[in-house]
Amino acid sequence: MAEFTGRDLHLVKKALAIAALAVEGQPGPFQSASDLSDMKALLDEIIENDTELAYYARAARIAVHGAPD
């Protein structure tokens, strides 16, 4: 697997958070539960702490919904 650092790692974390939130919002048969599960597991591996998780979750909500909450 590729190793990411610096800005590249930030973009991977943000992209995964956005993708997970977008997939989570898909209705019924269009939601890929296995992809969502894998994305969340990968985020758990690369996110360092709850503060960082909250940061990327907020960034994802802003990107997907246009508002932080």
N, C-alpha and C. Protein backbone atom coordinates (compact mmCIF):
# COMPACT_ATOMS: atom_id res chain seq x y z
N MET A 1 0.84 -1.18 0.00
CA MET A 1 0.00 0.00 0.00
C MET A 1 0.89 1.24 0.00
N ALA A 2 0.46 2.24 -0.69
CA ALA A 2 1.19 3.50 -0.74
C ALA A 2 1.19 4.16 0.64
N GLU A 3 2.24 4.89 0.91
CA GLU A 3 2.31 5.64 2.16
C GLU A 3 2.18 7.12 1.84
N PHE A 4 1.31 7.78 2.58
CA PHE A 4 1.07 9.20 2.36
C PHE A 4 1.55 9.99 3.57
N THR A 5 2.09 11.16 3.30
CA THR A 5 2.53 12.05 4.36
C THR A 5 2.13 13.48 4.01
N GLY A 6 2.19 14.34 5.01
CA GLY A 6 1.95 15.76 4.78
C GLY A 6 0.59 16.05 4.16
N ARG A 7 0.61 16.91 3.17
CA ARG A 7 -0.64 17.33 2.52
C ARG A 7 -1.35 16.16 1.84
N ASP A 8 -0.58 15.23 1.27
CA ASP A 8 -1.19 14.07 0.63
C ASP A 8 -2.02 13.27 1.63
N LEU A 9 -1.49 13.07 2.83
CA LEU A 9 -2.22 12.34 3.87
C LEU A 9 -3.48 13.11 4.28
N HIS A 10 -3.36 14.42 4.40
CA HIS A 10 -4.52 15.25 4.73
C HIS A 10 -5.62 15.06 3.67
N LEU A 11 -5.24 15.09 2.41
CA LEU A 11 -6.23 14.94 1.33
C LEU A 11 -6.87 13.56 1.33
N VAL A 12 -6.11 12.53 1.63
CA VAL A 12 -6.65 11.17 1.69
C VAL A 12 -7.67 11.08 2.83
N LYS A 13 -7.32 11.62 3.99
CA LYS A 13 -8.24 11.60 5.13
C LYS A 13 -9.53 12.35 4.81
N LYS A 14 -9.38 13.53 4.22
CA LYS A 14 -10.55 14.35 3.91
C LYS A 14 -11.42 13.68 2.84
N ALA A 15 -10.79 13.12 1.82
CA ALA A 15 -11.53 12.44 0.76
C ALA A 15 -12.29 11.23 1.30
N LEU A 16 -11.65 10.46 2.16
CA LEU A 16 -12.33 9.30 2.75
C LEU A 16 -13.51 9.73 3.62
N ALA A 17 -13.32 10.78 4.40
CA ALA A 17 -14.41 11.27 5.25
C ALA A 17 -15.59 11.75 4.41
N ILE A 18 -15.30 12.47 3.35
CA ILE A 18 -16.36 12.96 2.45
C ILE A 18 -17.05 11.79 1.77
N ALA A 19 -16.28 10.85 1.26
CA ALA A 19 -16.86 9.68 0.57
C ALA A 19 -17.72 8.86 1.51
N ALA A 20 -17.25 8.64 2.73
CA ALA A 20 -18.03 7.85 3.70
C ALA A 20 -19.35 8.54 4.00
N LEU A 21 -19.32 9.85 4.20
CA LEU A 21 -20.56 10.58 4.49
C LEU A 21 -21.51 10.54 3.29
N ALA A 22 -20.96 10.67 2.09
CA ALA A 22 -21.80 10.64 0.89
C ALA A 22 -22.44 9.25 0.71
N VAL A 23 -21.67 8.20 0.89
CA VAL A 23 -22.20 6.85 0.75
C VAL A 23 -23.24 6.58 1.83
N GLU A 24 -22.97 7.05 3.03
CA GLU A 24 -23.91 6.88 4.15
C GLU A 24 -25.27 7.50 3.84
N GLY A 25 -25.26 8.56 3.06
CA GLY A 25 -26.50 9.26 2.73
C GLY A 25 -27.25 8.69 1.54
N GLN A 26 -26.69 7.71 0.87
CA GLN A 26 -27.35 7.11 -0.29
C GLN A 26 -28.48 6.20 0.16
N PRO A 27 -29.61 6.26 -0.52
CA PRO A 27 -30.74 5.42 -0.14
C PRO A 27 -30.59 3.98 -0.61
N GLY A 28 -31.17 3.09 0.14
CA GLY A 28 -31.35 1.68 -0.19
C GLY A 28 -30.27 1.01 -1.01
N PRO A 29 -30.63 0.51 -2.19
CA PRO A 29 -29.72 -0.32 -2.97
C PRO A 29 -28.51 0.44 -3.53
N PHE A 30 -28.55 1.76 -3.47
CA PHE A 30 -27.43 2.55 -3.99
C PHE A 30 -26.33 2.73 -2.95
N GLN A 31 -26.59 2.34 -1.73
CA GLN A 31 -25.60 2.45 -0.67
C GLN A 31 -24.77 1.17 -0.62
N SER A 32 -23.48 1.31 -0.78
CA SER A 32 -22.60 0.15 -0.72
C SER A 32 -22.10 -0.01 0.72
N ALA A 33 -22.74 -0.90 1.45
CA ALA A 33 -22.40 -1.10 2.87
C ALA A 33 -20.98 -1.60 3.03
N SER A 34 -20.51 -2.45 2.13
CA SER A 34 -19.14 -2.96 2.27
C SER A 34 -18.11 -1.86 2.02
N ASP A 35 -18.35 -1.00 1.03
CA ASP A 35 -17.44 0.12 0.80
C ASP A 35 -17.44 1.06 2.00
N LEU A 36 -18.62 1.35 2.53
CA LEU A 36 -18.73 2.24 3.68
C LEU A 36 -17.98 1.67 4.87
N SER A 37 -18.15 0.40 5.12
CA SER A 37 -17.47 -0.26 6.22
C SER A 37 -15.95 -0.20 6.05
N ASP A 38 -15.48 -0.46 4.84
CA ASP A 38 -14.05 -0.42 4.57
C ASP A 38 -13.48 0.99 4.70
N MET A 39 -14.23 1.99 4.22
CA MET A 39 -13.77 3.38 4.34
C MET A 39 -13.65 3.79 5.80
N LYS A 40 -14.65 3.42 6.60
CA LYS A 40 -14.61 3.77 8.02
C LYS A 40 -13.46 3.06 8.74
N ALA A 41 -13.21 1.81 8.37
CA ALA A 41 -12.10 1.07 8.98
C ALA A 41 -10.76 1.70 8.61
N LEU A 42 -10.62 2.11 7.37
CA LEU A 42 -9.38 2.76 6.95
C LEU A 42 -9.19 4.09 7.66
N LEU A 43 -10.28 4.84 7.79
CA LEU A 43 -10.20 6.11 8.54
C LEU A 43 -9.77 5.86 9.99
N ASP A 44 -10.32 4.82 10.60
CA ASP A 44 -9.93 4.49 11.97
C ASP A 44 -8.43 4.21 12.08
N GLU A 45 -7.86 3.62 11.04
CA GLU A 45 -6.43 3.32 11.04
C GLU A 45 -5.56 4.56 10.89
N ILE A 46 -6.00 5.52 10.08
CA ILE A 46 -5.12 6.65 9.78
C ILE A 46 -5.43 7.91 10.57
N ILE A 47 -6.58 7.98 11.22
CA ILE A 47 -6.92 9.12 12.07
C ILE A 47 -6.27 8.89 13.43
N GLU A 48 -5.57 9.90 13.93
CA GLU A 48 -4.77 9.73 15.14
C GLU A 48 -5.53 9.82 16.45
N ASN A 49 -6.60 10.64 16.48
CA ASN A 49 -7.32 10.81 17.75
C ASN A 49 -8.72 11.37 17.49
N ASP A 50 -9.51 11.48 18.55
CA ASP A 50 -10.89 11.94 18.42
C ASP A 50 -10.98 13.38 17.92
N THR A 51 -10.02 14.21 18.29
CA THR A 51 -10.02 15.61 17.84
C THR A 51 -9.85 15.67 16.33
N GLU A 52 -8.92 14.88 15.83
CA GLU A 52 -8.70 14.85 14.38
C GLU A 52 -9.92 14.27 13.66
N LEU A 53 -10.53 13.25 14.23
CA LEU A 53 -11.74 12.68 13.66
C LEU A 53 -12.85 13.72 13.57
N ALA A 54 -13.02 14.49 14.63
CA ALA A 54 -14.05 15.54 14.64
C ALA A 54 -13.76 16.59 13.55
N TYR A 55 -12.50 16.92 13.36
CA TYR A 55 -12.11 17.89 12.32
C TYR A 55 -12.51 17.39 10.93
N TYR A 56 -12.17 16.14 10.62
CA TYR A 56 -12.48 15.61 9.29
C TYR A 56 -13.97 15.34 9.12
N ALA A 57 -14.66 14.96 10.18
CA ALA A 57 -16.11 14.77 10.10
C ALA A 57 -16.79 16.11 9.80
N ARG A 58 -16.32 17.16 10.44
CA ARG A 58 -16.89 18.51 10.20
C ARG A 58 -16.61 18.94 8.77
N ALA A 59 -15.38 18.74 8.30
CA ALA A 59 -15.02 19.10 6.92
C ALA A 59 -15.88 18.35 5.92
N ALA A 60 -16.16 17.08 6.21
CA ALA A 60 -17.00 16.28 5.32
C ALA A 60 -18.43 16.81 5.29
N ARG A 61 -18.97 17.16 6.46
CA ARG A 61 -20.34 17.70 6.51
C ARG A 61 -20.43 19.00 5.71
N ILE A 62 -19.42 19.84 5.82
CA ILE A 62 -19.41 21.10 5.07
C ILE A 62 -19.37 20.80 3.56
N ALA A 63 -18.54 19.85 3.15
CA ALA A 63 -18.40 19.53 1.73
C ALA A 63 -19.67 18.90 1.17
N VAL A 64 -20.30 18.01 1.93
CA VAL A 64 -21.47 17.27 1.43
C VAL A 64 -22.77 18.05 1.60
N HIS A 65 -22.94 18.67 2.78
CA HIS A 65 -24.21 19.32 3.09
C HIS A 65 -24.16 20.85 3.00
N GLY A 66 -22.98 21.42 2.90
CA GLY A 66 -22.86 22.86 2.82
C GLY A 66 -22.94 23.56 4.16
N ALA A 67 -22.93 22.79 5.24
CA ALA A 67 -22.98 23.35 6.59
C ALA A 67 -22.29 22.37 7.55
N PRO A 68 -21.69 22.89 8.62
CA PRO A 68 -20.96 22.01 9.53
C PRO A 68 -21.82 21.13 10.40
N ASP A 69 -23.08 21.48 10.58
CA ASP A 69 -23.95 20.69 11.46
C ASP A 69 -25.29 20.42 10.82
